[in-house]
Amino acid sequence: MNDLSFRLIPAETPYRVLKLRHNYFDHRDALKDLNCVFPLERLQDLERSGTIGRLAPQAITFGMGRLYKRSELQRETVPKILEILKGEGADAAFLVAA
């Protein structure tokens, strides 16, 4: 609980090696198709079709657990993530709540 950490996942990581580790939501749909909580494959499809521009080289996923320390998240974690995204030249971010 209150895990303010995040993980960087290379965009070319095969889905077969990714694991769902979060315990605070119903996993049934995510276990059928991980794209409903981590839509990297769908974004790659959009990139290939030219619908969107280039994806950032890394995807970002938050640590596990419910977050009650929102002010710490805003003060500590979000600035670090923004620094990474800016460093990768990202123009936008796609957020998925699970």
PDB file of N, CA and C in Angstrom:
ATOM      1  N   MET A   1       0.838  -1.173   0.000  1.00  0.00           N
ATOM      2  CA  MET A   1       0.000   0.000   0.000  1.00  0.00           C
ATOM      3  C   MET A   1       0.888   1.243   0.000  1.00  0.00           C
ATOM      4  N   ASN A   2       0.475   2.271  -0.691  1.00  0.00           N
ATOM      5  CA  ASN A   2       1.196   3.529  -0.797  1.00  0.00           C
ATOM      6  C   ASN A   2       2.571   3.374  -1.429  1.00  0.00           C
ATOM      7  N   ASP A   3       2.669   2.502  -2.398  1.00  0.00           N
ATOM      8  CA  ASP A   3       3.916   2.313  -3.139  1.00  0.00           C
ATOM      9  C   ASP A   3       4.004   3.405  -4.193  1.00  0.00           C
ATOM     10  N   LEU A   4       4.874   4.353  -3.995  1.00  0.00           N
ATOM     11  CA  LEU A   4       5.015   5.490  -4.907  1.00  0.00           C
ATOM     12  C   LEU A   4       6.032   5.222  -6.017  1.00  0.00           C
ATOM     13  N   SER A   5       6.517   4.008  -6.111  1.00  0.00           N
ATOM     14  CA  SER A   5       7.516   3.687  -7.126  1.00  0.00           C
ATOM     15  C   SER A   5       6.867   3.481  -8.489  1.00  0.00           C
ATOM     16  N   PHE A   6       7.716   3.423  -9.507  1.00  0.00           N
ATOM     17  CA  PHE A   6       7.243   3.134 -10.851  1.00  0.00           C
ATOM     18  C   PHE A   6       8.291   2.307 -11.564  1.00  0.00           C
ATOM     19  N   ARG A   7       7.867   1.653 -12.645  1.00  0.00           N
ATOM     20  CA  ARG A   7       8.775   0.810 -13.421  1.00  0.00           C
ATOM     21  C   ARG A   7       8.836   1.318 -14.845  1.00  0.00           C
ATOM     22  N   LEU A   8      10.002   1.191 -15.460  1.00  0.00           N
ATOM     23  CA  LEU A   8      10.181   1.510 -16.876  1.00  0.00           C
ATOM     24  C   LEU A   8      10.223   0.196 -17.637  1.00  0.00           C
ATOM     25  N   ILE A   9       9.377   0.080 -18.635  1.00  0.00           N
ATOM     26  CA  ILE A   9       9.303  -1.144 -19.427  1.00  0.00           C
ATOM     27  C   ILE A   9       9.631  -0.787 -20.867  1.00  0.00           C
ATOM     28  N   PRO A  10      10.708  -1.334 -21.422  1.00  0.00           N
ATOM     29  CA  PRO A  10      11.027  -1.046 -22.820  1.00  0.00           C
ATOM     30  C   PRO A  10       9.841  -1.350 -23.730  1.00  0.00           C
ATOM     31  N   ALA A  11       9.554  -0.452 -24.650  1.00  0.00           N
ATOM     32  CA  ALA A  11       8.377  -0.586 -25.519  1.00  0.00           C
ATOM     33  C   ALA A  11       8.412  -1.856 -26.359  1.00  0.00           C
ATOM     34  N   GLU A  12       9.574  -2.412 -26.605  1.00  0.00           N
ATOM     35  CA  GLU A  12       9.653  -3.624 -27.428  1.00  0.00           C
ATOM     36  C   GLU A  12       9.541  -4.910 -26.608  1.00  0.00           C
ATOM     37  N   THR A  13       9.273  -4.796 -25.317  1.00  0.00           N
ATOM     38  CA  THR A  13       9.137  -5.978 -24.461  1.00  0.00           C
ATOM     39  C   THR A  13       7.975  -6.845 -24.944  1.00  0.00           C
ATOM     40  N   PRO A  14       8.212  -8.116 -25.206  1.00  0.00           N
ATOM     41  CA  PRO A  14       7.117  -9.004 -25.638  1.00  0.00           C
ATOM     42  C   PRO A  14       6.084  -9.181 -24.518  1.00  0.00           C
ATOM     43  N   TYR A  15       4.823  -9.148 -24.880  1.00  0.00           N
ATOM     44  CA  TYR A  15       3.762  -9.298 -23.886  1.00  0.00           C
ATOM     45  C   TYR A  15       3.860 -10.612 -23.130  1.00  0.00           C
ATOM     46  N   ARG A  16       4.370 -11.651 -23.741  1.00  0.00           N
ATOM     47  CA  ARG A  16       4.408 -12.959 -23.095  1.00  0.00           C
ATOM     48  C   ARG A  16       5.302 -12.966 -21.853  1.00  0.00           C
ATOM     49  N   VAL A  17       6.202 -11.994 -21.712  1.00  0.00           N
ATOM     50  CA  VAL A  17       7.067 -11.968 -20.535  1.00  0.00           C
ATOM     51  C   VAL A  17       6.539 -11.045 -19.434  1.00  0.00           C
ATOM     52  N   LEU A  18       5.486 -10.295 -19.721  1.00  0.00           N
ATOM     53  CA  LEU A  18       4.925  -9.390 -18.716  1.00  0.00           C
ATOM     54  C   LEU A  18       4.013 -10.160 -17.771  1.00  0.00           C
ATOM     55  N   LYS A  19       4.000  -9.738 -16.530  1.00  0.00           N
ATOM     56  CA  LYS A  19       3.179 -10.377 -15.505  1.00  0.00           C
ATOM     57  C   LYS A  19       2.313  -9.334 -14.820  1.00  0.00           C
ATOM     58  N   LEU A  20       1.107  -9.716 -14.492  1.00  0.00           N
ATOM     59  CA  LEU A  20       0.194  -8.861 -13.755  1.00  0.00           C
ATOM     60  C   LEU A  20       0.401  -9.132 -12.273  1.00  0.00           C
ATOM     61  N   ARG A  21       0.790  -8.118 -11.524  1.00  0.00           N
ATOM     62  CA  ARG A  21       1.129  -8.329 -10.110  1.00  0.00           C
ATOM     63  C   ARG A  21       0.270  -7.512  -9.145  1.00  0.00           C
ATOM     64  N   HIS A  22      -0.610  -6.678  -9.625  1.00  0.00           N
ATOM     65  CA  HIS A  22      -1.409  -5.815  -8.766  1.00  0.00           C
ATOM     66  C   HIS A  22      -2.549  -6.615  -8.149  1.00  0.00           C
ATOM     67  N   ASN A  23      -2.775  -6.478  -6.848  1.00  0.00           N
ATOM     68  CA  ASN A  23      -3.766  -7.284  -6.149  1.00  0.00           C
ATOM     69  C   ASN A  23      -5.083  -6.578  -5.865  1.00  0.00           C
ATOM     70  N   TYR A  24      -5.228  -5.309  -6.225  1.00  0.00           N
ATOM     71  CA  TYR A  24      -6.380  -4.537  -5.763  1.00  0.00           C
ATOM     72  C   TYR A  24      -7.453  -4.319  -6.816  1.00  0.00           C
ATOM     73  N   PHE A  25      -7.560  -5.183  -7.813  1.00  0.00           N
ATOM     74  CA  PHE A  25      -8.672  -5.115  -8.747  1.00  0.00           C
ATOM     75  C   PHE A  25      -8.935  -6.492  -9.327  1.00  0.00           C
ATOM     76  N   ASP A  26     -10.086  -6.643  -9.921  1.00  0.00           N
ATOM     77  CA  ASP A  26     -10.494  -7.907 -10.523  1.00  0.00           C
ATOM     78  C   ASP A  26      -9.651  -8.142 -11.782  1.00  0.00           C
ATOM     79  N   HIS A  27      -8.897  -9.206 -11.829  1.00  0.00           N
ATOM     80  CA  HIS A  27      -7.949  -9.489 -12.922  1.00  0.00           C
ATOM     81  C   HIS A  27      -8.553 -10.209 -14.118  1.00  0.00           C
ATOM     82  N   ARG A  28      -9.793 -10.641 -14.025  1.00  0.00           N
ATOM     83  CA  ARG A  28     -10.331 -11.519 -15.069  1.00  0.00           C
ATOM     84  C   ARG A  28     -10.163 -10.963 -16.478  1.00  0.00           C
ATOM     85  N   ASP A  29     -10.547  -9.726 -16.710  1.00  0.00           N
ATOM     86  CA  ASP A  29     -10.415  -9.165 -18.063  1.00  0.00           C
ATOM     87  C   ASP A  29      -8.955  -8.967 -18.440  1.00  0.00           C
ATOM     88  N   ALA A  30      -8.148  -8.502 -17.507  1.00  0.00           N
ATOM     89  CA  ALA A  30      -6.728  -8.279 -17.792  1.00  0.00           C
ATOM     90  C   ALA A  30      -6.012  -9.583 -18.112  1.00  0.00           C
ATOM     91  N   LEU A  31      -6.424 -10.664 -17.487  1.00  0.00           N
ATOM     92  CA  LEU A  31      -5.801 -11.952 -17.781  1.00  0.00           C
ATOM     93  C   LEU A  31      -6.199 -12.464 -19.166  1.00  0.00           C
ATOM     94  N   LYS A  32      -7.360 -12.052 -19.649  1.00  0.00           N
ATOM     95  CA  LYS A  32      -7.771 -12.400 -21.012  1.00  0.00           C
ATOM     96  C   LYS A  32      -7.014 -11.568 -22.040  1.00  0.00           C
ATOM     97  N   ASP A  33      -6.815 -10.278 -21.729  1.00  0.00           N
ATOM     98  CA  ASP A  33      -6.113  -9.375 -22.638  1.00  0.00           C
ATOM     99  C   ASP A  33      -5.469  -8.263 -21.828  1.00  0.00           C
ATOM    100  N   LEU A  34      -4.165  -8.358 -21.648  1.00  0.00           N
ATOM    101  CA  LEU A  34      -3.424  -7.388 -20.851  1.00  0.00           C
ATOM    102  C   LEU A  34      -3.569  -5.961 -21.391  1.00  0.00           C
ATOM    103  N   ASN A  35      -3.944  -5.829 -22.664  1.00  0.00           N
ATOM    104  CA  ASN A  35      -4.098  -4.505 -23.266  1.00  0.00           C
ATOM    105  C   ASN A  35      -5.168  -3.655 -22.590  1.00  0.00           C
ATOM    106  N   CYS A  36      -6.094  -4.279 -21.856  1.00  0.00           N
ATOM    107  CA  CYS A  36      -7.122  -3.472 -21.193  1.00  0.00           C
ATOM    108  C   CYS A  36      -6.555  -2.686 -20.011  1.00  0.00           C
ATOM    109  N   VAL A  37      -5.395  -3.078 -19.490  1.00  0.00           N
ATOM    110  CA  VAL A  37      -4.756  -2.325 -18.413  1.00  0.00           C
ATOM    111  C   VAL A  37      -3.366  -1.802 -18.796  1.00  0.00           C
ATOM    112  N   PHE A  38      -2.791  -2.360 -19.835  1.00  0.00           N
ATOM    113  CA  PHE A  38      -1.461  -1.951 -20.303  1.00  0.00           C
ATOM    114  C   PHE A  38      -1.473  -2.036 -21.837  1.00  0.00           C
ATOM    115  N   PRO A  39      -2.066  -1.038 -22.511  1.00  0.00           N
ATOM    116  CA  PRO A  39      -2.379  -1.150 -23.947  1.00  0.00           C
ATOM    117  C   PRO A  39      -1.207  -0.915 -24.898  1.00  0.00           C
ATOM    118  N   LEU A  40      -0.062  -1.403 -24.559  1.00  0.00           N
ATOM    119  CA  LEU A  40       1.112  -1.172 -25.391  1.00  0.00           C
ATOM    120  C   LEU A  40       0.954  -1.762 -26.796  1.00  0.00           C
ATOM    121  N   GLU A  41       0.404  -2.961 -26.903  1.00  0.00           N
ATOM    122  CA  GLU A  41       0.222  -3.567 -28.229  1.00  0.00           C
ATOM    123  C   GLU A  41      -0.720  -2.737 -29.094  1.00  0.00           C
ATOM    124  N   ARG A  42      -1.808  -2.215 -28.508  1.00  0.00           N
ATOM    125  CA  ARG A  42      -2.741  -1.396 -29.280  1.00  0.00           C
ATOM    126  C   ARG A  42      -2.078  -0.091 -29.715  1.00  0.00           C
ATOM    127  N   LEU A  43      -1.269   0.494 -28.857  1.00  0.00           N
ATOM    128  CA  LEU A  43      -0.558   1.717 -29.231  1.00  0.00           C
ATOM    129  C   LEU A  43       0.470   1.433 -30.329  1.00  0.00           C
ATOM    130  N   GLN A  44       1.111   0.275 -30.262  1.00  0.00           N
ATOM    131  CA  GLN A  44       2.047  -0.106 -31.327  1.00  0.00           C
ATOM    132  C   GLN A  44       1.308  -0.275 -32.652  1.00  0.00           C
ATOM    133  N   ASP A  45       0.098  -0.837 -32.614  1.00  0.00           N
ATOM    134  CA  ASP A  45      -0.726  -0.953 -33.822  1.00  0.00           C
ATOM    135  C   ASP A  45      -1.023   0.428 -34.404  1.00  0.00           C
ATOM    136  N   LEU A  46      -1.389   1.376 -33.546  1.00  0.00           N
ATOM    137  CA  LEU A  46      -1.693   2.740 -33.997  1.00  0.00           C
ATOM    138  C   LEU A  46      -0.459   3.425 -34.568  1.00  0.00           C
ATOM    139  N   GLU A  47       0.702   3.156 -33.971  1.00  0.00           N
ATOM    140  CA  GLU A  47       1.952   3.714 -34.477  1.00  0.00           C
ATOM    141  C   GLU A  47       2.258   3.151 -35.873  1.00  0.00           C
ATOM    142  N   ARG A  48       2.140   1.833 -36.022  1.00  0.00           N
ATOM    143  CA  ARG A  48       2.420   1.194 -37.317  1.00  0.00           C
ATOM    144  C   ARG A  48       1.492   1.692 -38.423  1.00  0.00           C
ATOM    145  N   SER A  49       0.234   1.957 -38.076  1.00  0.00           N
ATOM    146  CA  SER A  49      -0.731   2.405 -39.085  1.00  0.00           C
ATOM    147  C   SER A  49      -0.580   3.886 -39.412  1.00  0.00           C
ATOM    148  N   GLY A  50       0.237   4.603 -38.630  1.00  0.00           N
ATOM    149  CA  GLY A  50       0.423   6.029 -38.867  1.00  0.00           C
ATOM    150  C   GLY A  50      -0.636   6.895 -38.200  1.00  0.00           C
ATOM    151  N   THR A  51      -1.503   6.287 -37.415  1.00  0.00           N
ATOM    152  CA  THR A  51      -2.547   7.036 -36.721  1.00  0.00           C
ATOM    153  C   THR A  51      -1.957   7.948 -35.659  1.00  0.00           C
ATOM    154  N   ILE A  52      -0.912   7.478 -34.994  1.00  0.00           N
ATOM    155  CA  ILE A  52      -0.185   8.297 -34.028  1.00  0.00           C
ATOM    156  C   ILE A  52       1.280   8.330 -34.439  1.00  0.00           C
ATOM    157  N   GLY A  53       2.011   9.266 -33.859  1.00  0.00           N
ATOM    158  CA  GLY A  53       3.439   9.346 -34.143  1.00  0.00           C
ATOM    159  C   GLY A  53       4.217   8.271 -33.407  1.00  0.00           C
ATOM    160  N   ARG A  54       5.483   8.528 -33.209  1.00  0.00           N
ATOM    161  CA  ARG A  54       6.385   7.571 -32.581  1.00  0.00           C
ATOM    162  C   ARG A  54       6.086   7.415 -31.095  1.00  0.00           C
ATOM    163  N   LEU A  55       6.058   6.176 -30.634  1.00  0.00           N
ATOM    164  CA  LEU A  55       5.923   5.909 -29.207  1.00  0.00           C
ATOM    165  C   LEU A  55       7.246   6.175 -28.506  1.00  0.00           C
ATOM    166  N   ALA A  56       7.152   6.524 -27.249  1.00  0.00           N
ATOM    167  CA  ALA A  56       8.364   6.674 -26.440  1.00  0.00           C
ATOM    168  C   ALA A  56       9.035   5.309 -26.331  1.00  0.00           C
ATOM    169  N   PRO A  57      10.345   5.270 -26.162  1.00  0.00           N
ATOM    170  CA  PRO A  57      11.047   3.998 -26.085  1.00  0.00           C
ATOM    171  C   PRO A  57      10.689   3.162 -24.855  1.00  0.00           C
ATOM    172  N   GLN A  58      10.104   3.806 -23.839  1.00  0.00           N
ATOM    173  CA  GLN A  58       9.760   3.080 -22.622  1.00  0.00           C
ATOM    174  C   GLN A  58       8.344   3.422 -22.195  1.00  0.00           C
ATOM    175  N   ALA A  59       7.647   2.431 -21.656  1.00  0.00           N
ATOM    176  CA  ALA A  59       6.354   2.650 -21.016  1.00  0.00           C
ATOM    177  C   ALA A  59       6.607   2.735 -19.512  1.00  0.00           C
ATOM    178  N   ILE A  60       5.730   3.390 -18.829  1.00  0.00           N
ATOM    179  CA  ILE A  60       5.883   3.562 -17.379  1.00  0.00           C
ATOM    180  C   ILE A  60       4.676   2.958 -16.694  1.00  0.00           C
ATOM    181  N   THR A  61       4.940   2.169 -15.664  1.00  0.00           N
ATOM    182  CA  THR A  61       3.858   1.589 -14.875  1.00  0.00           C
ATOM    183  C   THR A  61       4.149   1.871 -13.403  1.00  0.00           C
ATOM    184  N   PHE A  62       3.098   2.167 -12.674  1.00  0.00           N
ATOM    185  CA  PHE A  62       3.261   2.485 -11.257  1.00  0.00           C
ATOM    186  C   PHE A  62       3.426   1.231 -10.439  1.00  0.00           C
ATOM    187  N   GLY A  63       3.973   1.411  -9.219  1.00  0.00           N
ATOM    188  CA  GLY A  63       4.154   0.307  -8.289  1.00  0.00           C
ATOM    189  C   GLY A  63       2.810  -0.268  -7.874  1.00  0.00           C
ATOM    190  N   MET A  64       2.851  -1.243  -7.064  1.00  0.00           N
ATOM    191  CA  MET A  64       1.634  -1.929  -6.657  1.00  0.00           C
ATOM    192  C   MET A  64       1.087  -1.321  -5.373  1.00  0.00           C
ATOM    193  N   GLY A  65      -0.193  -1.390  -5.233  1.00  0.00           N
ATOM    194  CA  GLY A  65      -0.841  -0.938  -4.010  1.00  0.00           C
ATOM    195  C   GLY A  65      -1.680   0.297  -4.240  1.00  0.00           C
ATOM    196  N   ARG A  66      -2.557   0.494  -3.330  1.00  0.00           N
ATOM    197  CA  ARG A  66      -3.416   1.684  -3.384  1.00  0.00           C
ATOM    198  C   ARG A  66      -2.602   2.886  -2.943  1.00  0.00           C
ATOM    199  N   LEU A  67      -2.875   4.015  -3.569  1.00  0.00           N
ATOM    200  CA  LEU A  67      -2.137   5.238  -3.252  1.00  0.00           C
ATOM    201  C   LEU A  67      -3.016   6.193  -2.462  1.00  0.00           C
ATOM    202  N   TYR A  68      -2.658   6.414  -1.229  1.00  0.00           N
ATOM    203  CA  TYR A  68      -3.371   7.373  -0.399  1.00  0.00           C
ATOM    204  C   TYR A  68      -2.540   8.637  -0.199  1.00  0.00           C
ATOM    205  N   LYS A  69      -1.268   8.568  -0.492  1.00  0.00           N
ATOM    206  CA  LYS A  69      -0.360   9.707  -0.304  1.00  0.00           C
ATOM    207  C   LYS A  69      -0.300  10.524  -1.600  1.00  0.00           C
ATOM    208  N   ARG A  70      -1.438  11.097  -1.973  1.00  0.00           N
ATOM    209  CA  ARG A  70      -1.510  11.805  -3.249  1.00  0.00           C
ATOM    210  C   ARG A  70      -0.569  12.998  -3.318  1.00  0.00           C
ATOM    211  N   SER A  71      -0.407  13.723  -2.211  1.00  0.00           N
ATOM    212  CA  SER A  71       0.483  14.886  -2.248  1.00  0.00           C
ATOM    213  C   SER A  71       1.931  14.449  -2.474  1.00  0.00           C
ATOM    214  N   GLU A  72       2.340  13.325  -1.881  1.00  0.00           N
ATOM    215  CA  GLU A  72       3.689  12.807  -2.122  1.00  0.00           C
ATOM    216  C   GLU A  72       3.839  12.331  -3.559  1.00  0.00           C
ATOM    217  N   LEU A  73       2.796  11.707  -4.086  1.00  0.00           N
ATOM    218  CA  LEU A  73       2.804  11.279  -5.483  1.00  0.00           C
ATOM    219  C   LEU A  73       3.038  12.479  -6.391  1.00  0.00           C
ATOM    220  N   GLN A  74       2.310  13.568  -6.145  1.00  0.00           N
ATOM    221  CA  GLN A  74       2.451  14.775  -6.962  1.00  0.00           C
ATOM    222  C   GLN A  74       3.808  15.443  -6.769  1.00  0.00           C
ATOM    223  N   ARG A  75       4.298  15.464  -5.558  1.00  0.00           N
ATOM    224  CA  ARG A  75       5.548  16.160  -5.236  1.00  0.00           C
ATOM    225  C   ARG A  75       6.791  15.369  -5.613  1.00  0.00           C
ATOM    226  N   GLU A  76       6.735  14.029  -5.481  1.00  0.00           N
ATOM    227  CA  GLU A  76       7.941  13.221  -5.661  1.00  0.00           C
ATOM    228  C   GLU A  76       7.931  12.388  -6.949  1.00  0.00           C
ATOM    229  N   THR A  77       6.897  11.591  -7.120  1.00  0.00           N
ATOM    230  CA  THR A  77       6.887  10.631  -8.217  1.00  0.00           C
ATOM    231  C   THR A  77       6.600  11.283  -9.564  1.00  0.00           C
ATOM    232  N   VAL A  78       5.587  12.113  -9.628  1.00  0.00           N
ATOM    233  CA  VAL A  78       5.197  12.719 -10.909  1.00  0.00           C
ATOM    234  C   VAL A  78       6.326  13.544 -11.522  1.00  0.00           C
ATOM    235  N   PRO A  79       7.043  14.384 -10.781  1.00  0.00           N
ATOM    236  CA  PRO A  79       8.151  15.125 -11.399  1.00  0.00           C
ATOM    237  C   PRO A  79       9.230  14.213 -11.999  1.00  0.00           C
ATOM    238  N   LYS A  80       9.504  13.088 -11.354  1.00  0.00           N
ATOM    239  CA  LYS A  80      10.488  12.144 -11.898  1.00  0.00           C
ATOM    240  C   LYS A  80       9.995  11.560 -13.224  1.00  0.00           C
ATOM    241  N   ILE A  81       8.711  11.210 -13.264  1.00  0.00           N
ATOM    242  CA  ILE A  81       8.137  10.662 -14.493  1.00  0.00           C
ATOM    243  C   ILE A  81       8.131  11.703 -15.601  1.00  0.00           C
ATOM    244  N   LEU A  82       7.765  12.926 -15.273  1.00  0.00           N
ATOM    245  CA  LEU A  82       7.777  14.001 -16.271  1.00  0.00           C
ATOM    246  C   LEU A  82       9.168  14.230 -16.834  1.00  0.00           C
ATOM    247  N   GLU A  83      10.173  14.147 -15.989  1.00  0.00           N
ATOM    248  CA  GLU A  83      11.557  14.300 -16.440  1.00  0.00           C
ATOM    249  C   GLU A  83      11.919  13.212 -17.457  1.00  0.00           C
ATOM    250  N   ILE A  84      11.514  11.988 -17.184  1.00  0.00           N
ATOM    251  CA  ILE A  84      11.773  10.874 -18.108  1.00  0.00           C
ATOM    252  C   ILE A  84      11.049  11.108 -19.427  1.00  0.00           C
ATOM    253  N   LEU A  85       9.763  11.453 -19.362  1.00  0.00           N
ATOM    254  CA  LEU A  85       8.980  11.668 -20.578  1.00  0.00           C
ATOM    255  C   LEU A  85       9.541  12.805 -21.413  1.00  0.00           C
ATOM    256  N   LYS A  86       9.898  13.887 -20.786  1.00  0.00           N
ATOM    257  CA  LYS A  86      10.493  15.013 -21.518  1.00  0.00           C
ATOM    258  C   LYS A  86      11.815  14.611 -22.139  1.00  0.00           C
ATOM    259  N   GLY A  87      12.614  13.832 -21.412  1.00  0.00           N
ATOM    260  CA  GLY A  87      13.898  13.362 -21.926  1.00  0.00           C
ATOM    261  C   GLY A  87      13.742  12.464 -23.141  1.00  0.00           C
ATOM    262  N   GLU A  88      12.608  11.788 -23.238  1.00  0.00           N
ATOM    263  CA  GLU A  88      12.336  10.923 -24.380  1.00  0.00           C
ATOM    264  C   GLU A  88      11.609  11.653 -25.496  1.00  0.00           C
ATOM    265  N   GLY A  89      11.349  12.944 -25.288  1.00  0.00           N
ATOM    266  CA  GLY A  89      10.695  13.745 -26.312  1.00  0.00           C
ATOM    267  C   GLY A  89       9.208  13.498 -26.450  1.00  0.00           C
ATOM    268  N   ALA A  90       8.572  13.017 -25.398  1.00  0.00           N
ATOM    269  CA  ALA A  90       7.134  12.730 -25.459  1.00  0.00           C
ATOM    270  C   ALA A  90       6.329  14.018 -25.551  1.00  0.00           C
ATOM    271  N   ASP A  91       5.316  14.005 -26.423  1.00  0.00           N
ATOM    272  CA  ASP A  91       4.396  15.131 -26.561  1.00  0.00           C
ATOM    273  C   ASP A  91       3.118  14.919 -25.762  1.00  0.00           C
ATOM    274  N   ALA A  92       2.826  13.678 -25.430  1.00  0.00           N
ATOM    275  CA  ALA A  92       1.595  13.348 -24.723  1.00  0.00           C
ATOM    276  C   ALA A  92       1.801  12.076 -23.927  1.00  0.00           C
ATOM    277  N   ALA A  93       0.910  11.857 -22.987  1.00  0.00           N
ATOM    278  CA  ALA A  93       0.922  10.618 -22.193  1.00  0.00           C
ATOM    279  C   ALA A  93      -0.483  10.037 -22.204  1.00  0.00           C
ATOM    280  N   PHE A  94      -0.559   8.727 -22.257  1.00  0.00           N
ATOM    281  CA  PHE A  94      -1.837   8.018 -22.220  1.00  0.00           C
ATOM    282  C   PHE A  94      -1.913   7.316 -20.875  1.00  0.00           C
ATOM    283  N   LEU A  95      -2.866   7.731 -20.043  1.00  0.00           N
ATOM    284  CA  LEU A  95      -2.986   7.180 -18.701  1.00  0.00           C
ATOM    285  C   LEU A  95      -4.110   6.152 -18.658  1.00  0.00           C
ATOM    286  N   VAL A  96      -3.848   5.026 -18.029  1.00  0.00           N
ATOM    287  CA  VAL A  96      -4.841   3.959 -17.918  1.00  0.00           C
ATOM    288  C   VAL A  96      -5.029   3.629 -16.453  1.00  0.00           C
ATOM    289  N   ALA A  97      -6.235   3.799 -15.973  1.00  0.00           N
ATOM    290  CA  ALA A  97      -6.537   3.428 -14.587  1.00  0.00           C
ATOM    291  C   ALA A  97      -6.955   1.968 -14.551  1.00  0.00           C
ATOM    292  N   ALA A  98      -6.448   1.248 -13.594  1.00  0.00           N
ATOM    293  CA  ALA A  98      -6.827  -0.167 -13.480  1.00  0.00           C
ATOM    294  C   ALA A  98      -7.324  -0.430 -12.082  1.00  0.00           C
TER     295      ALA A  98
END
